[in-house]
Amino acid sequence: MRIVPVLFAGIGFLAAVTPPAQAALTVVHGRVVNLYADPSDFVIELDVAGTCGSKLFHIQRNRANFKEVTAVSLTAISTGKTMTLFVESCAGDRNILSHGAVNAT
């Protein structure tokens, strides 16, 4: 039964040296074409498609940064600046956002 403590020690060592898994974000740069208010989210339409196949990028209303992403998208469309959007997942062809930023140019 000496193998059990050695096994637990090995698992503990691997857990200590293995970095935590992080979801890879896809970065998309583009100009805002339209903005849409949806019942469950706010939708940003860019002039380029994201990795999910659509030009529509959704920030869900239950996200902590929902108001901030909405505000920066309004800034981008009103000033004619481009945006950088970070897609964390797909829901069908919908690009689900983590966060976004207005670019200086």
C-alpha atoms as a PDB file:
ATOM      1  CA  MET A   1       0.000   0.000   0.000  1.00  0.00           C
ATOM      2  CA  ARG A   2       2.988   2.299  -0.352  1.00  0.00           C
ATOM      3  CA  ILE A   3       1.899   3.143  -3.852  1.00  0.00           C
ATOM      4  CA  VAL A   4      -1.078   5.237  -2.694  1.00  0.00           C
ATOM      5  CA  PRO A   5       1.007   7.958  -0.936  1.00  0.00           C
ATOM      6  CA  VAL A   6       3.421   8.049  -3.882  1.00  0.00           C
ATOM      7  CA  LEU A   7       0.508   8.355  -6.290  1.00  0.00           C
ATOM      8  CA  PHE A   8      -1.016  11.236  -4.317  1.00  0.00           C
ATOM      9  CA  ALA A   9       2.368  12.959  -4.105  1.00  0.00           C
ATOM     10  CA  GLY A  10       2.783  12.658  -7.880  1.00  0.00           C
ATOM     11  CA  ILE A  11      -0.670  14.076  -8.551  1.00  0.00           C
ATOM     12  CA  GLY A  12      -0.012  16.925  -6.124  1.00  0.00           C
ATOM     13  CA  PHE A  13       3.277  17.739  -7.860  1.00  0.00           C
ATOM     14  CA  LEU A  14       1.637  17.798 -11.288  1.00  0.00           C
ATOM     15  CA  ALA A  15      -1.162  20.027 -10.025  1.00  0.00           C
ATOM     16  CA  ALA A  16       1.391  22.441  -8.578  1.00  0.00           C
ATOM     17  CA  VAL A  17       3.503  22.777 -11.735  1.00  0.00           C
ATOM     18  CA  THR A  18       0.726  22.688 -14.351  1.00  0.00           C
ATOM     19  CA  PRO A  19      -0.559  26.155 -15.303  1.00  0.00           C
ATOM     20  CA  PRO A  20      -4.319  26.672 -15.058  1.00  0.00           C
ATOM     21  CA  ALA A  21      -6.283  26.190 -18.263  1.00  0.00           C
ATOM     22  CA  GLN A  22      -7.342  29.430 -19.895  1.00  0.00           C
ATOM     23  CA  ALA A  23      -9.747  29.881 -22.744  1.00  0.00           C
ATOM     24  CA  ALA A  24      -8.085  31.247 -25.838  1.00  0.00           C
ATOM     25  CA  LEU A  25      -9.628  34.529 -26.951  1.00  0.00           C
ATOM     26  CA  THR A  26      -9.857  35.385 -30.634  1.00  0.00           C
ATOM     27  CA  VAL A  27      -9.053  39.006 -31.451  1.00  0.00           C
ATOM     28  CA  VAL A  28     -11.013  40.781 -34.213  1.00  0.00           C
ATOM     29  CA  HIS A  29     -10.381  44.337 -35.469  1.00  0.00           C
ATOM     30  CA  GLY A  30     -12.990  46.214 -37.482  1.00  0.00           C
ATOM     31  CA  ARG A  31     -15.185  49.248 -38.039  1.00  0.00           C
ATOM     32  CA  VAL A  32     -18.607  49.356 -36.372  1.00  0.00           C
ATOM     33  CA  VAL A  33     -21.385  49.242 -38.992  1.00  0.00           C
ATOM     34  CA  ASN A  34     -24.494  48.961 -36.778  1.00  0.00           C
ATOM     35  CA  LEU A  35     -25.514  48.465 -33.158  1.00  0.00           C
ATOM     36  CA  TYR A  36     -28.537  46.434 -32.064  1.00  0.00           C
ATOM     37  CA  ALA A  37     -30.340  46.099 -28.734  1.00  0.00           C
ATOM     38  CA  ASP A  38     -31.480  42.517 -28.278  1.00  0.00           C
ATOM     39  CA  PRO A  39     -33.569  41.254 -25.323  1.00  0.00           C
ATOM     40  CA  SER A  40     -30.713  39.123 -24.001  1.00  0.00           C
ATOM     41  CA  ASP A  41     -27.655  40.980 -25.274  1.00  0.00           C
ATOM     42  CA  PHE A  42     -26.217  43.971 -27.121  1.00  0.00           C
ATOM     43  CA  VAL A  43     -25.023  43.290 -30.662  1.00  0.00           C
ATOM     44  CA  ILE A  44     -22.170  45.015 -32.480  1.00  0.00           C
ATOM     45  CA  GLU A  45     -21.969  44.570 -36.256  1.00  0.00           C
ATOM     46  CA  LEU A  46     -18.475  44.997 -37.689  1.00  0.00           C
ATOM     47  CA  ASP A  47     -17.334  45.219 -41.295  1.00  0.00           C
ATOM     48  CA  VAL A  48     -15.424  41.922 -40.843  1.00  0.00           C
ATOM     49  CA  ALA A  49     -16.585  38.476 -39.788  1.00  0.00           C
ATOM     50  CA  GLY A  50     -15.402  36.784 -36.623  1.00  0.00           C
ATOM     51  CA  THR A  51     -14.223  33.219 -36.207  1.00  0.00           C
ATOM     52  CA  CYS A  52     -17.790  31.982 -35.701  1.00  0.00           C
ATOM     53  CA  GLY A  53     -18.710  33.041 -39.249  1.00  0.00           C
ATOM     54  CA  SER A  54     -20.850  36.102 -38.547  1.00  0.00           C
ATOM     55  CA  LYS A  55     -20.193  39.847 -38.548  1.00  0.00           C
ATOM     56  CA  LEU A  56     -22.355  40.115 -35.427  1.00  0.00           C
ATOM     57  CA  PHE A  57     -20.686  40.212 -32.005  1.00  0.00           C
ATOM     58  CA  HIS A  58     -22.775  39.737 -28.853  1.00  0.00           C
ATOM     59  CA  ILE A  59     -22.079  40.979 -25.333  1.00  0.00           C
ATOM     60  CA  GLN A  60     -24.499  39.307 -22.943  1.00  0.00           C
ATOM     61  CA  ARG A  61     -26.475  41.476 -20.528  1.00  0.00           C
ATOM     62  CA  ASN A  62     -25.480  39.338 -17.549  1.00  0.00           C
ATOM     63  CA  ARG A  63     -21.766  40.140 -18.030  1.00  0.00           C
ATOM     64  CA  ALA A  64     -20.163  42.387 -15.411  1.00  0.00           C
ATOM     65  CA  ASN A  65     -18.749  44.655 -18.148  1.00  0.00           C
ATOM     66  CA  PHE A  66     -21.948  44.885 -20.236  1.00  0.00           C
ATOM     67  CA  LYS A  67     -22.384  48.645 -19.751  1.00  0.00           C
ATOM     68  CA  GLU A  68     -18.712  49.350 -20.474  1.00  0.00           C
ATOM     69  CA  VAL A  69     -18.664  47.385 -23.743  1.00  0.00           C
ATOM     70  CA  THR A  70     -21.916  49.081 -24.779  1.00  0.00           C
ATOM     71  CA  ALA A  71     -20.411  52.500 -23.999  1.00  0.00           C
ATOM     72  CA  VAL A  72     -17.187  51.902 -25.936  1.00  0.00           C
ATOM     73  CA  SER A  73     -19.132  50.613 -28.945  1.00  0.00           C
ATOM     74  CA  LEU A  74     -21.255  53.785 -28.914  1.00  0.00           C
ATOM     75  CA  THR A  75     -18.036  55.815 -28.749  1.00  0.00           C
ATOM     76  CA  ALA A  76     -16.567  53.887 -31.685  1.00  0.00           C
ATOM     77  CA  ILE A  77     -19.571  54.328 -33.972  1.00  0.00           C
ATOM     78  CA  SER A  78     -20.057  58.011 -33.097  1.00  0.00           C
ATOM     79  CA  THR A  79     -16.390  58.901 -33.681  1.00  0.00           C
ATOM     80  CA  GLY A  80     -15.837  56.621 -36.682  1.00  0.00           C
ATOM     81  CA  LYS A  81     -13.037  54.712 -34.941  1.00  0.00           C
ATOM     82  CA  THR A  82     -12.355  51.011 -35.194  1.00  0.00           C
ATOM     83  CA  MET A  83     -12.800  48.485 -32.413  1.00  0.00           C
ATOM     84  CA  THR A  84     -10.867  45.525 -31.153  1.00  0.00           C
ATOM     85  CA  LEU A  85     -13.197  42.785 -29.927  1.00  0.00           C
ATOM     86  CA  PHE A  86     -12.237  39.680 -27.975  1.00  0.00           C
ATOM     87  CA  VAL A  87     -14.377  36.640 -28.817  1.00  0.00           C
ATOM     88  CA  GLU A  88     -14.455  33.993 -26.097  1.00  0.00           C
ATOM     89  CA  SER A  89     -16.878  31.492 -27.652  1.00  0.00           C
ATOM     90  CA  CYS A  90     -19.407  30.774 -30.371  1.00  0.00           C
ATOM     91  CA  ALA A  91     -23.130  30.120 -30.078  1.00  0.00           C
ATOM     92  CA  GLY A  92     -23.927  28.840 -33.538  1.00  0.00           C
ATOM     93  CA  ASP A  93     -22.626  31.604 -35.815  1.00  0.00           C
ATOM     94  CA  ARG A  94     -22.793  34.198 -33.005  1.00  0.00           C
ATOM     95  CA  ASN A  95     -19.506  35.611 -31.746  1.00  0.00           C
ATOM     96  CA  ILE A  96     -19.809  35.848 -27.936  1.00  0.00           C
ATOM     97  CA  LEU A  97     -17.629  38.639 -26.544  1.00  0.00           C
ATOM     98  CA  SER A  98     -15.474  38.798 -23.475  1.00  0.00           C
ATOM     99  CA  HIS A  99     -14.561  42.467 -23.854  1.00  0.00           C
ATOM    100  CA  GLY A 100     -13.663  45.150 -26.394  1.00  0.00           C
ATOM    101  CA  ALA A 101     -11.820  48.411 -26.913  1.00  0.00           C
ATOM    102  CA  VAL A 102     -11.946  51.503 -29.122  1.00  0.00           C
ATOM    103  CA  ASN A 103      -8.785  51.965 -31.177  1.00  0.00           C
ATOM    104  CA  ALA A 104      -6.996  55.301 -31.448  1.00  0.00           C
ATOM    105  CA  THR A 105      -7.222  55.287 -35.259  1.00  0.00           C
END
